[in-house]
Amino acid sequence: MTRFERIWGRLGMAALLAVTVPCASRAENLLRASAYDMPTGLRLSAGYSELAGSPGSDSLRTWESYVEKRPALRTASWIVSMNLVMTLYGRYIMQPDGYGFRVSGETIKNNLQNGFEWDDNSFSANNFRHPYQGAQYHGVARGNGYDFYESSLWSFFGAWEFEYAGEAHHPSYNDWINTAVGGIALGEVLFRLQNMVLDNTATGSERAWREIGGLAVHPLREVNRLVTGEAFDVHQNPADRFPSSLGGELVIGTRTIGEERLWEENVTKAFLSFDAKYGDPYDDIRKPYEAFQFGAQVTFDNKPRGLARLEASGVIASADVYKSDVAQHVLSAVQLFDYFDNEAYTYGGQTIGVNYRSRFWRGDLFEARTTVGLGAILLGASRSDYFNISGREYDYGPGAGYGVSVEFARRGRTILGVSHNGFWIHSVNGTNSDHYNNVSRFRLDLPAKQFFSAGVEYVLFHSERIYADYDDVSTRNPELKLYLSWLMD
């Protein structure tokens, strides 16, 4: 072990102690707090808890008092410490015999001299794990009082620092963009979801379980709360803890994917998915992500096993184009994060764009919603059919996308939905190619009881991959889902 590695090992242990020692003493205070009464009340409304201003709440320390100084040194220290822990994990656990995390002064110097290139990591590593890493940077900055845009700069800083000083191989374009831009989308979503899990006015066992839940949702921000004491002190919640509306859906069912036709060479396996709608995109959105959609799907015994879908679509800002008693049209700026990895379809993308949303209603009985969207894909990843110099099974490049959707709802519950999304990616690393990916969906839900429904969804994945040096490839994969869903409205 070199002297440099010993220093990094000691720094990692110091970072661990910095977290555990203060938390040990504060944990005792948290357990004692169970004897106190909650200074505020909670009421249930529209399926979620909302802080009610009961007597005594005004005397509590405000949430802003924890974050008003926006501590740059503390934020930078957490980001660098997290990168250090990840480097140590990679060096001694994940790749003990490999070169990738053998960081030294010489590798940092070489990285600074060499600059950026493209790497050959797996699809999940580049397009999921790196954005999740960036989400921790963004979230800890938000927890320290920085707004969305300021925290986005911290996400870029954390990605840059890890690329140059966290890995031995040269920094890569794809890692920096995916970590920073994808981290902004996932980080803001997780930050807002974590705010709903946490309750700064709670005490005793309820407070402990909420903080544990917060750790699961957004680890680095929760560690920051533990060290600063925010996780233990009874104080006010942020004013925007809950959105104007909130809905979710948990789905379990089977999915059958075929080759060309559904009944040809098909496979049928189970899946589990969760989708959430936070806020109302038809509201006048002034702060980024006051309205967003978030979804994830896990597959069982399929290839690849585990996470097959992760999506986030946040409204950055919006404005009414037209509004009356029976119709509304809204123009929105949006950010999209996409991750799909299943037998039929492999795509990852970081996109910014605009949506034109319309809705038409007749009292509380019926509502129709339409969306037309256009987007610029800053960086997209799409499956490649041929070996290329990058060493990956997918190509990287910028591109563009579009989407159209129509939904019909009865008494607030979506009954029928039809959508189509198309993506074009021009490869700048991998094979010399252009990728045209299309996803068409048809979904029908039949309400069974108040919070349950049964449904069927048909999805068609169609890809045209045009290669300069190889034969072109066209794939057509239909998918049929049968499922039961639990609505959380």
Protein backbone atom coordinates (compact mmCIF):
# COMPACT_ATOMS: atom_id res chain seq x y z
CA MET A 1 0.00 0.00 0.00
CA THR A 2 1.45 3.35 -1.05
CA ARG A 3 1.67 6.39 1.20
CA PHE A 4 -1.01 8.11 -0.89
CA GLU A 5 -3.40 5.15 -0.41
CA ARG A 6 -2.77 5.16 3.35
CA ILE A 7 -3.65 8.85 3.51
CA TRP A 8 -6.87 8.28 1.58
CA GLY A 9 -7.74 5.36 3.85
CA ARG A 10 -7.29 7.52 6.96
CA LEU A 11 -9.36 10.30 5.41
CA GLY A 12 -12.14 7.81 4.73
CA MET A 13 -12.09 6.62 8.34
CA ALA A 14 -12.13 10.22 9.55
CA ALA A 15 -15.18 10.93 7.40
CA LEU A 16 -16.93 7.89 8.87
CA LEU A 17 -16.14 8.98 12.43
CA ALA A 18 -17.30 12.51 11.68
CA VAL A 19 -20.72 11.05 10.96
CA THR A 20 -21.04 8.40 13.66
CA VAL A 21 -19.66 10.22 16.71
CA PRO A 22 -21.99 13.25 16.66
CA CYS A 23 -24.95 11.02 15.77
CA ALA A 24 -24.36 8.69 18.72
CA SER A 25 -24.79 11.49 21.25
CA ARG A 26 -27.76 12.99 19.46
CA ALA A 27 -29.53 9.62 19.21
CA GLU A 28 -29.89 9.55 23.01
CA ASN A 29 -31.66 12.92 22.89
CA LEU A 30 -33.98 11.61 20.21
CA LEU A 31 -35.04 8.65 22.32
CA ARG A 32 -35.67 10.89 25.32
CA ALA A 33 -37.83 13.15 23.17
CA SER A 34 -40.55 10.47 23.06
CA ALA A 35 -41.87 11.83 26.36
CA TYR A 36 -42.77 15.16 24.78
CA ASP A 37 -46.06 15.95 23.11
CA MET A 38 -46.05 16.91 19.45
CA PRO A 39 -46.30 20.72 19.27
CA THR A 40 -48.33 20.60 16.07
CA GLY A 41 -51.15 18.50 14.73
CA LEU A 42 -51.43 16.48 11.55
CA ARG A 43 -54.48 16.07 9.42
CA LEU A 44 -55.07 13.80 6.45
CA SER A 45 -56.22 15.50 3.29
CA ALA A 46 -56.38 14.17 -0.29
CA GLY A 47 -54.38 11.12 0.64
CA TYR A 48 -51.42 12.81 2.27
CA SER A 49 -50.48 14.40 5.60
CA GLU A 50 -50.45 18.14 5.94
CA LEU A 51 -49.02 20.23 8.74
CA ALA A 52 -51.75 22.02 10.67
CA GLY A 53 -50.76 25.12 12.57
CA SER A 54 -51.77 24.24 16.11
CA PRO A 55 -50.84 26.36 19.13
CA GLY A 56 -47.14 26.52 19.79
CA SER A 57 -45.99 25.90 16.24
CA ASP A 58 -45.03 29.55 15.71
CA SER A 59 -42.55 29.36 18.56
CA LEU A 60 -40.58 26.55 16.94
CA ARG A 61 -37.30 27.23 15.24
CA THR A 62 -37.89 27.72 11.52
CA TRP A 63 -36.61 25.32 8.89
CA GLU A 64 -34.94 28.25 7.14
CA SER A 65 -32.74 28.85 10.19
CA TYR A 66 -30.89 25.62 9.37
CA VAL A 67 -30.19 26.59 5.80
CA GLU A 68 -30.18 30.39 5.60
CA LYS A 69 -26.38 30.68 5.50
CA ARG A 70 -26.00 28.23 2.58
CA PRO A 71 -22.66 26.86 3.84
CA ALA A 72 -20.40 26.37 0.84
CA LEU A 73 -17.59 24.71 2.82
CA ARG A 74 -19.89 22.16 4.42
CA THR A 75 -21.58 21.36 1.10
CA ALA A 76 -18.25 20.93 -0.68
CA SER A 77 -16.92 18.80 2.18
CA TRP A 78 -19.87 16.39 1.96
CA ILE A 79 -19.54 16.06 -1.80
CA VAL A 80 -15.79 15.45 -1.66
CA SER A 81 -16.23 13.04 1.28
CA MET A 82 -18.84 11.06 -0.63
CA ASN A 83 -16.53 10.84 -3.64
CA LEU A 84 -13.73 9.70 -1.36
CA VAL A 85 -15.85 6.94 0.15
CA MET A 86 -16.87 5.79 -3.33
CA THR A 87 -13.23 5.70 -4.41
CA LEU A 88 -12.27 3.64 -1.34
CA TYR A 89 -15.19 1.28 -1.93
CA GLY A 90 -14.14 0.79 -5.55
CA ARG A 91 -10.47 0.37 -4.63
CA TYR A 92 -10.82 -2.14 -1.81
CA ILE A 93 -14.16 -3.88 -2.36
CA MET A 94 -15.53 -3.55 -5.89
CA GLN A 95 -12.26 -3.75 -7.86
CA PRO A 96 -9.46 -4.73 -5.44
CA ASP A 97 -7.35 -6.13 -8.28
CA GLY A 98 -8.25 -3.52 -10.87
CA TYR A 99 -6.77 -0.22 -11.93
CA GLY A 100 -9.88 1.95 -12.12
CA PHE A 101 -9.81 3.24 -8.52
CA ARG A 102 -6.07 3.20 -7.78
CA VAL A 103 -6.05 6.96 -7.44
CA SER A 104 -2.76 8.74 -6.77
CA GLY A 105 -1.25 12.15 -7.25
CA GLU A 106 0.11 10.93 -10.57
CA THR A 107 -3.32 9.80 -11.87
CA ILE A 108 -4.87 13.14 -10.89
CA LYS A 109 -2.07 14.98 -12.69
CA ASN A 110 -2.53 12.81 -15.80
CA ASN A 111 -6.29 13.39 -15.74
CA LEU A 112 -5.83 17.15 -15.59
CA GLN A 113 -3.39 17.01 -18.48
CA ASN A 114 -5.37 14.56 -20.62
CA GLY A 115 -8.89 15.97 -20.27
CA PHE A 116 -12.12 14.22 -21.23
CA GLU A 117 -12.73 11.13 -23.34
CA TRP A 118 -15.45 8.42 -23.53
CA ASP A 119 -15.50 5.37 -21.27
CA ASP A 120 -16.62 1.76 -21.78
CA ASN A 121 -18.63 1.10 -18.60
CA SER A 122 -21.85 -0.89 -18.57
CA PHE A 123 -25.19 0.65 -19.51
CA SER A 124 -26.52 0.58 -15.93
CA ALA A 125 -23.31 2.06 -14.51
CA ASN A 126 -23.26 5.00 -16.90
CA ASN A 127 -26.96 5.70 -17.20
CA PHE A 128 -28.32 4.88 -13.73
CA ARG A 129 -25.61 4.71 -11.08
CA HIS A 130 -23.88 7.90 -12.19
CA PRO A 131 -27.12 9.95 -12.24
CA TYR A 132 -28.00 8.55 -8.81
CA GLN A 133 -24.56 9.64 -7.61
CA GLY A 134 -25.21 13.13 -8.96
CA ALA A 135 -28.57 13.16 -7.18
CA GLN A 136 -26.72 13.00 -3.86
CA TYR A 137 -24.71 16.11 -4.75
CA HIS A 138 -27.82 18.02 -5.73
CA GLY A 139 -29.81 16.86 -2.71
CA VAL A 140 -27.22 17.74 -0.07
CA ALA A 141 -26.92 21.22 -1.56
CA ARG A 142 -30.72 21.62 -1.48
CA GLY A 143 -30.70 20.47 2.14
CA ASN A 144 -28.14 23.14 2.92
CA GLY A 145 -30.40 25.89 1.60
CA TYR A 146 -29.34 26.29 -2.02
CA ASP A 147 -32.12 26.69 -4.56
CA PHE A 148 -32.63 24.45 -7.59
CA TYR A 149 -30.25 26.33 -9.88
CA GLU A 150 -27.51 26.81 -7.28
CA SER A 151 -27.72 23.12 -6.36
CA SER A 152 -27.41 22.25 -10.04
CA LEU A 153 -24.00 23.93 -10.06
CA TRP A 154 -23.00 21.78 -7.09
CA SER A 155 -24.05 18.72 -9.08
CA PHE A 156 -21.68 19.73 -11.87
CA PHE A 157 -18.91 20.40 -9.33
CA GLY A 158 -19.30 16.98 -7.70
CA ALA A 159 -19.27 15.23 -11.07
CA TRP A 160 -16.17 17.15 -12.16
CA GLU A 161 -14.28 16.43 -8.91
CA PHE A 162 -15.03 12.69 -9.07
CA GLU A 163 -14.00 12.43 -12.72
CA TYR A 164 -10.62 14.00 -12.08
CA ALA A 165 -9.78 12.84 -8.54
CA GLY A 166 -12.11 9.92 -7.83
CA GLU A 167 -11.02 7.50 -10.54
CA ALA A 168 -7.68 6.54 -11.98
CA HIS A 169 -8.72 6.42 -15.62
CA HIS A 170 -9.28 9.60 -17.58
CA PRO A 171 -12.48 11.59 -17.06
CA SER A 172 -15.29 10.86 -19.51
CA TYR A 173 -17.82 13.07 -21.24
CA ASN A 174 -20.69 10.64 -20.69
CA ASP A 175 -20.04 10.31 -16.94
CA TRP A 176 -19.85 14.05 -16.38
CA ILE A 177 -23.07 14.78 -18.30
CA ASN A 178 -25.04 11.83 -16.90
CA THR A 179 -23.88 12.47 -13.33
CA ALA A 180 -24.51 16.21 -13.39
CA VAL A 181 -27.62 16.56 -15.58
CA GLY A 182 -29.24 13.28 -14.56
CA GLY A 183 -28.33 14.07 -10.95
CA ILE A 184 -30.24 17.35 -11.15
CA ALA A 185 -33.44 15.58 -12.25
CA LEU A 186 -33.24 12.67 -9.81
CA GLY A 187 -31.84 14.84 -7.02
CA GLU A 188 -34.72 17.32 -7.09
CA VAL A 189 -37.30 14.51 -7.25
CA LEU A 190 -35.75 12.66 -4.31
CA PHE A 191 -35.33 15.89 -2.32
CA ARG A 192 -39.03 16.69 -2.60
CA LEU A 193 -40.13 13.12 -1.93
CA GLN A 194 -37.89 13.03 1.14
CA ASN A 195 -39.46 16.23 2.45
CA MET A 196 -42.81 14.45 2.54
CA VAL A 197 -41.36 11.47 4.42
CA LEU A 198 -39.67 13.67 7.04
CA ASP A 199 -41.57 15.54 9.75
CA ASN A 200 -39.50 17.99 11.77
CA THR A 201 -42.29 18.38 14.33
CA ALA A 202 -42.41 14.66 15.17
CA THR A 203 -40.68 13.14 18.22
CA GLY A 204 -39.91 9.74 19.67
CA SER A 205 -40.26 6.58 17.63
CA GLU A 206 -42.23 8.31 14.88
CA ARG A 207 -39.38 10.77 14.36
CA ALA A 208 -36.82 7.94 14.33
CA TRP A 209 -38.74 5.96 11.69
CA ARG A 210 -39.23 9.04 9.56
CA GLU A 211 -35.51 9.79 9.63
CA ILE A 212 -34.76 6.18 8.70
CA GLY A 213 -37.18 6.57 5.79
CA GLY A 214 -35.43 9.79 4.83
CA LEU A 215 -32.11 7.94 4.80
CA ALA A 216 -33.52 5.38 2.37
CA VAL A 217 -34.85 8.07 0.04
CA HIS A 218 -31.88 10.45 0.00
CA PRO A 219 -28.84 9.10 1.93
CA LEU A 220 -26.35 11.98 1.75
CA ARG A 221 -28.85 14.67 2.62
CA GLU A 222 -30.01 12.62 5.62
CA VAL A 223 -26.41 12.22 6.84
CA ASN A 224 -26.10 16.00 6.59
CA ARG A 225 -29.23 16.33 8.75
CA LEU A 226 -27.77 13.94 11.34
CA VAL A 227 -24.52 15.83 11.67
CA THR A 228 -26.06 19.32 11.76
CA GLY A 229 -28.66 18.21 14.30
CA GLU A 230 -31.61 18.98 12.08
CA ALA A 231 -32.65 15.31 12.26
CA PHE A 232 -33.07 15.51 16.07
CA ASP A 233 -34.29 19.04 16.81
CA VAL A 234 -38.01 19.74 16.84
CA HIS A 235 -38.61 22.62 14.44
CA GLN A 236 -40.90 23.79 11.67
CA ASN A 237 -41.26 22.00 8.35
CA PRO A 238 -40.51 23.79 5.07
CA ALA A 239 -43.51 25.70 3.76
CA ASP A 240 -43.59 23.69 0.52
CA ARG A 241 -43.34 20.30 2.21
CA PHE A 242 -46.39 19.04 0.29
CA PRO A 243 -47.48 19.77 -3.29
CA SER A 244 -50.85 21.14 -4.35
CA SER A 245 -51.89 17.59 -5.29
CA LEU A 246 -50.38 14.16 -5.00
CA GLY A 247 -51.15 10.78 -6.52
CA GLY A 248 -49.44 7.43 -6.90
CA GLU A 249 -49.97 3.99 -8.32
CA LEU A 250 -48.46 0.65 -7.34
CA VAL A 251 -48.80 -2.03 -10.02
CA ILE A 252 -48.06 -5.76 -10.02
CA GLY A 253 -48.61 -8.04 -12.99
CA THR A 254 -47.15 -10.02 -15.87
CA ARG A 255 -45.47 -8.82 -19.03
CA THR A 256 -45.12 -10.79 -22.27
CA ILE A 257 -42.56 -9.60 -24.85
CA GLY A 258 -42.44 -11.09 -28.35
CA GLU A 259 -40.22 -10.89 -31.42
CA GLU A 260 -41.98 -9.16 -34.34
CA ARG A 261 -45.32 -10.55 -33.14
CA LEU A 262 -46.53 -11.07 -29.61
CA TRP A 263 -47.04 -14.82 -30.07
CA GLU A 264 -43.59 -15.44 -31.58
CA GLU A 265 -40.59 -16.26 -29.34
CA ASN A 266 -42.23 -14.59 -26.39
CA VAL A 267 -41.28 -14.60 -22.74
CA THR A 268 -43.67 -13.93 -19.84
CA LYS A 269 -42.41 -12.75 -16.47
CA ALA A 270 -43.64 -10.79 -13.46
CA PHE A 271 -43.05 -7.10 -12.89
CA LEU A 272 -43.60 -4.49 -10.19
CA SER A 273 -43.86 -0.77 -10.88
CA PHE A 274 -44.52 2.48 -9.07
CA ASP A 275 -45.52 5.81 -10.57
CA ALA A 276 -46.14 9.10 -8.79
CA LYS A 277 -47.63 12.44 -9.83
CA TYR A 278 -46.42 15.31 -7.68
CA GLY A 279 -48.19 18.63 -8.05
CA ASP A 280 -50.43 19.76 -10.89
CA PRO A 281 -48.72 20.64 -14.22
CA TYR A 282 -51.69 22.89 -15.01
CA ASP A 283 -50.86 25.14 -12.07
CA ASP A 284 -48.83 28.30 -12.55
CA ILE A 285 -45.39 26.76 -11.92
CA ARG A 286 -42.87 29.33 -10.68
CA LYS A 287 -40.27 27.07 -9.05
CA PRO A 288 -38.69 24.09 -10.82
CA TYR A 289 -40.26 20.73 -10.05
CA GLU A 290 -43.31 22.06 -8.24
CA ALA A 291 -44.91 19.49 -10.54
CA PHE A 292 -43.25 16.31 -11.77
CA GLN A 293 -43.90 12.68 -12.67
CA PHE A 294 -41.68 9.88 -11.44
CA GLY A 295 -41.80 6.17 -12.28
CA ALA A 296 -39.81 2.97 -11.79
CA GLN A 297 -40.26 -0.65 -12.81
CA VAL A 298 -38.55 -3.80 -11.53
CA THR A 299 -38.58 -7.06 -13.48
CA PHE A 300 -38.05 -10.59 -12.14
CA ASP A 301 -36.06 -13.40 -13.79
CA ASN A 302 -35.65 -11.39 -16.97
CA LYS A 303 -32.46 -10.21 -18.58
CA PRO A 304 -31.39 -7.87 -17.17
CA ARG A 305 -32.86 -8.61 -13.76
CA GLY A 306 -33.79 -5.74 -11.50
CA LEU A 307 -34.34 -2.12 -12.52
CA ALA A 308 -35.81 -2.02 -16.02
CA ARG A 309 -37.29 1.50 -16.07
CA LEU A 310 -36.65 4.78 -14.28
CA GLU A 311 -38.24 8.03 -15.46
CA ALA A 312 -38.49 11.57 -14.16
CA SER A 313 -40.18 14.48 -15.89
CA GLY A 314 -40.15 17.81 -14.09
CA VAL A 315 -41.78 21.13 -14.99
CA ILE A 316 -39.21 23.92 -14.80
CA ALA A 317 -41.69 26.74 -15.47
CA SER A 318 -45.10 27.13 -17.06
CA ALA A 319 -47.60 29.74 -18.22
CA ASP A 320 -51.25 29.64 -19.26
CA VAL A 321 -51.94 30.13 -22.96
CA TYR A 322 -55.71 29.99 -22.53
CA LYS A 323 -58.09 29.22 -19.66
CA SER A 324 -61.86 29.11 -19.36
CA ASP A 325 -64.50 27.30 -17.35
CA VAL A 326 -64.25 24.16 -19.52
CA ALA A 327 -60.73 24.18 -21.02
CA GLN A 328 -57.13 25.11 -20.29
CA HIS A 329 -53.94 25.21 -22.39
CA VAL A 330 -50.50 25.46 -20.76
CA LEU A 331 -46.99 25.86 -22.21
CA SER A 332 -44.25 24.33 -20.04
CA ALA A 333 -40.47 24.06 -20.02
CA VAL A 334 -39.48 20.57 -18.85
CA GLN A 335 -36.51 18.38 -17.98
CA LEU A 336 -36.62 14.63 -18.62
CA PHE A 337 -34.52 11.74 -17.34
CA ASP A 338 -35.05 8.35 -19.05
CA TYR A 339 -33.64 4.90 -18.30
CA PHE A 340 -34.98 1.78 -20.06
CA ASP A 341 -33.18 -1.54 -20.05
CA ASN A 342 -35.13 -4.67 -20.98
CA GLU A 343 -35.10 -7.43 -23.61
CA ALA A 344 -36.82 -5.23 -26.16
CA TYR A 345 -35.50 -1.76 -25.57
CA THR A 346 -32.34 -0.08 -24.30
CA TYR A 347 -32.36 3.69 -24.05
CA GLY A 348 -31.01 6.33 -21.67
CA GLY A 349 -31.35 10.05 -22.13
CA GLN A 350 -30.93 13.53 -20.64
CA THR A 351 -33.43 15.87 -22.29
CA ILE A 352 -34.69 19.44 -22.01
CA GLY A 353 -37.79 20.51 -23.90
CA VAL A 354 -41.22 22.12 -24.04
CA ASN A 355 -44.70 20.66 -23.57
CA TYR A 356 -48.03 22.02 -24.72
CA ARG A 357 -50.71 20.61 -22.41
CA SER A 358 -54.46 20.86 -22.87
CA ARG A 359 -57.37 19.65 -20.80
CA PHE A 360 -61.10 19.73 -21.30
CA TRP A 361 -63.62 18.88 -18.62
CA ARG A 362 -67.30 18.62 -17.82
CA GLY A 363 -67.73 19.23 -14.13
CA ASP A 364 -66.21 16.51 -11.96
CA LEU A 365 -67.50 13.71 -14.18
CA PHE A 366 -65.27 13.72 -17.27
CA GLU A 367 -61.87 15.09 -18.28
CA ALA A 368 -59.73 14.72 -21.38
CA ARG A 369 -56.01 15.62 -21.35
CA THR A 370 -53.58 15.94 -24.25
CA THR A 371 -49.83 16.64 -24.33
CA VAL A 372 -47.55 17.46 -27.25
CA GLY A 373 -43.84 17.71 -26.49
CA LEU A 374 -40.55 18.45 -28.24
CA GLY A 375 -37.13 17.96 -26.70
CA ALA A 376 -33.40 18.31 -27.30
CA ILE A 377 -31.52 15.21 -26.14
CA LEU A 378 -28.27 16.49 -24.61
CA LEU A 379 -26.88 12.97 -24.42
CA GLY A 380 -28.63 9.74 -25.37
CA ALA A 381 -27.58 6.10 -25.22
CA SER A 382 -29.06 3.50 -27.55
CA ARG A 383 -28.40 -0.20 -28.14
CA SER A 384 -25.76 -1.06 -30.76
CA ASP A 385 -25.85 -4.26 -32.82
CA TYR A 386 -22.15 -4.39 -33.66
CA PHE A 387 -18.89 -4.42 -31.75
CA ASN A 388 -17.21 -1.04 -31.85
CA ILE A 389 -14.06 0.62 -30.63
CA SER A 390 -15.82 1.96 -27.52
CA GLY A 391 -16.09 -1.59 -26.13
CA ARG A 392 -19.73 -0.97 -25.23
CA GLU A 393 -22.94 -2.56 -26.49
CA TYR A 394 -24.55 0.86 -26.93
CA ASP A 395 -23.77 4.13 -28.69
CA TYR A 396 -23.70 7.69 -27.34
CA GLY A 397 -24.76 10.91 -28.98
CA PRO A 398 -27.04 13.95 -28.98
CA GLY A 399 -30.41 14.00 -30.67
CA ALA A 400 -34.03 15.07 -30.50
CA GLY A 401 -37.33 13.62 -29.39
CA TYR A 402 -41.06 14.19 -29.50
CA GLY A 403 -44.12 12.82 -27.76
CA VAL A 404 -47.91 12.95 -28.00
CA SER A 405 -50.43 11.55 -25.54
CA VAL A 406 -54.19 11.52 -24.95
CA GLU A 407 -55.90 10.50 -21.69
CA PHE A 408 -59.51 10.18 -20.67
CA ALA A 409 -60.54 10.28 -17.01
CA ARG A 410 -63.83 9.70 -15.20
CA ARG A 411 -64.36 11.11 -11.73
CA GLY A 412 -60.65 11.89 -11.47
CA ARG A 413 -59.43 8.39 -12.42
CA THR A 414 -57.71 7.74 -15.75
CA ILE A 415 -59.59 5.08 -17.72
CA LEU A 416 -57.95 5.17 -21.15
CA GLY A 417 -54.55 6.38 -22.33
CA VAL A 418 -52.78 6.42 -25.71
CA SER A 419 -49.28 7.78 -26.34
CA HIS A 420 -46.38 7.73 -28.79
CA ASN A 421 -42.77 8.82 -28.23
CA GLY A 422 -39.99 9.01 -30.78
CA PHE A 423 -36.26 9.54 -30.28
CA TRP A 424 -33.46 10.18 -32.77
CA ILE A 425 -29.84 9.85 -31.67
CA HIS A 426 -26.83 10.57 -33.85
CA SER A 427 -23.91 8.52 -32.54
CA VAL A 428 -20.71 10.46 -31.84
CA ASN A 429 -19.06 7.64 -29.90
CA GLY A 430 -19.43 3.97 -30.83
CA THR A 431 -20.55 2.89 -34.26
CA ASN A 432 -21.09 5.49 -36.98
CA SER A 433 -24.87 5.39 -36.93
CA ASP A 434 -28.24 7.03 -36.45
CA HIS A 435 -30.80 5.51 -34.11
CA TYR A 436 -34.56 5.98 -34.47
CA ASN A 437 -36.48 4.59 -31.50
CA ASN A 438 -40.26 4.62 -31.17
CA VAL A 439 -42.51 3.57 -28.28
CA SER A 440 -46.30 3.38 -28.72
CA ARG A 441 -48.66 2.61 -25.81
CA PHE A 442 -52.31 1.80 -25.31
CA ARG A 443 -53.64 1.39 -21.77
CA LEU A 444 -57.09 0.54 -20.42
CA ASP A 445 -57.96 0.55 -16.70
CA LEU A 446 -61.14 -0.88 -15.20
CA PRO A 447 -61.86 0.37 -11.67
CA ALA A 448 -62.68 -2.51 -9.32
CA LYS A 449 -63.07 -0.83 -5.96
CA GLN A 450 -62.37 2.60 -4.50
CA PHE A 451 -58.58 2.32 -4.64
CA PHE A 452 -58.06 -0.69 -6.90
CA SER A 453 -58.31 -1.40 -10.60
CA ALA A 454 -57.41 -4.07 -13.15
CA GLY A 455 -55.83 -3.15 -16.43
CA VAL A 456 -54.16 -4.09 -19.67
CA GLU A 457 -51.41 -2.23 -21.52
CA TYR A 458 -50.03 -2.88 -24.98
CA VAL A 459 -46.62 -1.43 -25.84
CA LEU A 460 -44.81 -1.57 -29.16
CA PHE A 461 -41.04 -0.94 -29.24
CA HIS A 462 -39.82 -0.22 -32.78
CA SER A 463 -36.23 0.70 -33.61
CA GLU A 464 -34.44 1.52 -36.86
CA ARG A 465 -30.65 1.65 -36.56
CA ILE A 466 -28.89 2.99 -39.65
CA TYR A 467 -25.17 2.14 -39.83
CA ALA A 468 -22.56 3.71 -42.08
CA ASP A 469 -20.26 0.67 -42.08
CA TYR A 470 -22.63 -2.24 -41.36
CA ASP A 471 -26.01 -3.56 -42.40
CA ASP A 472 -28.95 -1.62 -41.03
CA VAL A 473 -31.05 -3.26 -38.33
CA SER A 474 -34.80 -3.01 -37.72
CA THR A 475 -36.43 -4.48 -34.61
CA ARG A 476 -40.08 -4.73 -33.60
CA ASN A 477 -40.97 -5.96 -30.12
CA PRO A 478 -44.56 -5.91 -28.84
CA GLU A 479 -45.27 -6.16 -25.11
CA LEU A 480 -48.51 -7.04 -23.34
CA LYS A 481 -49.05 -6.29 -19.65
CA LEU A 482 -51.85 -7.62 -17.46
CA TYR A 483 -51.91 -6.14 -13.98
CA LEU A 484 -53.64 -5.08 -10.81
CA SER A 485 -53.05 -1.57 -9.47
CA TRP A 486 -53.47 0.16 -6.15
CA LEU A 487 -54.20 3.86 -6.48
CA MET A 488 -52.91 6.26 -3.84
CA ASP A 489 -54.88 9.46 -4.47
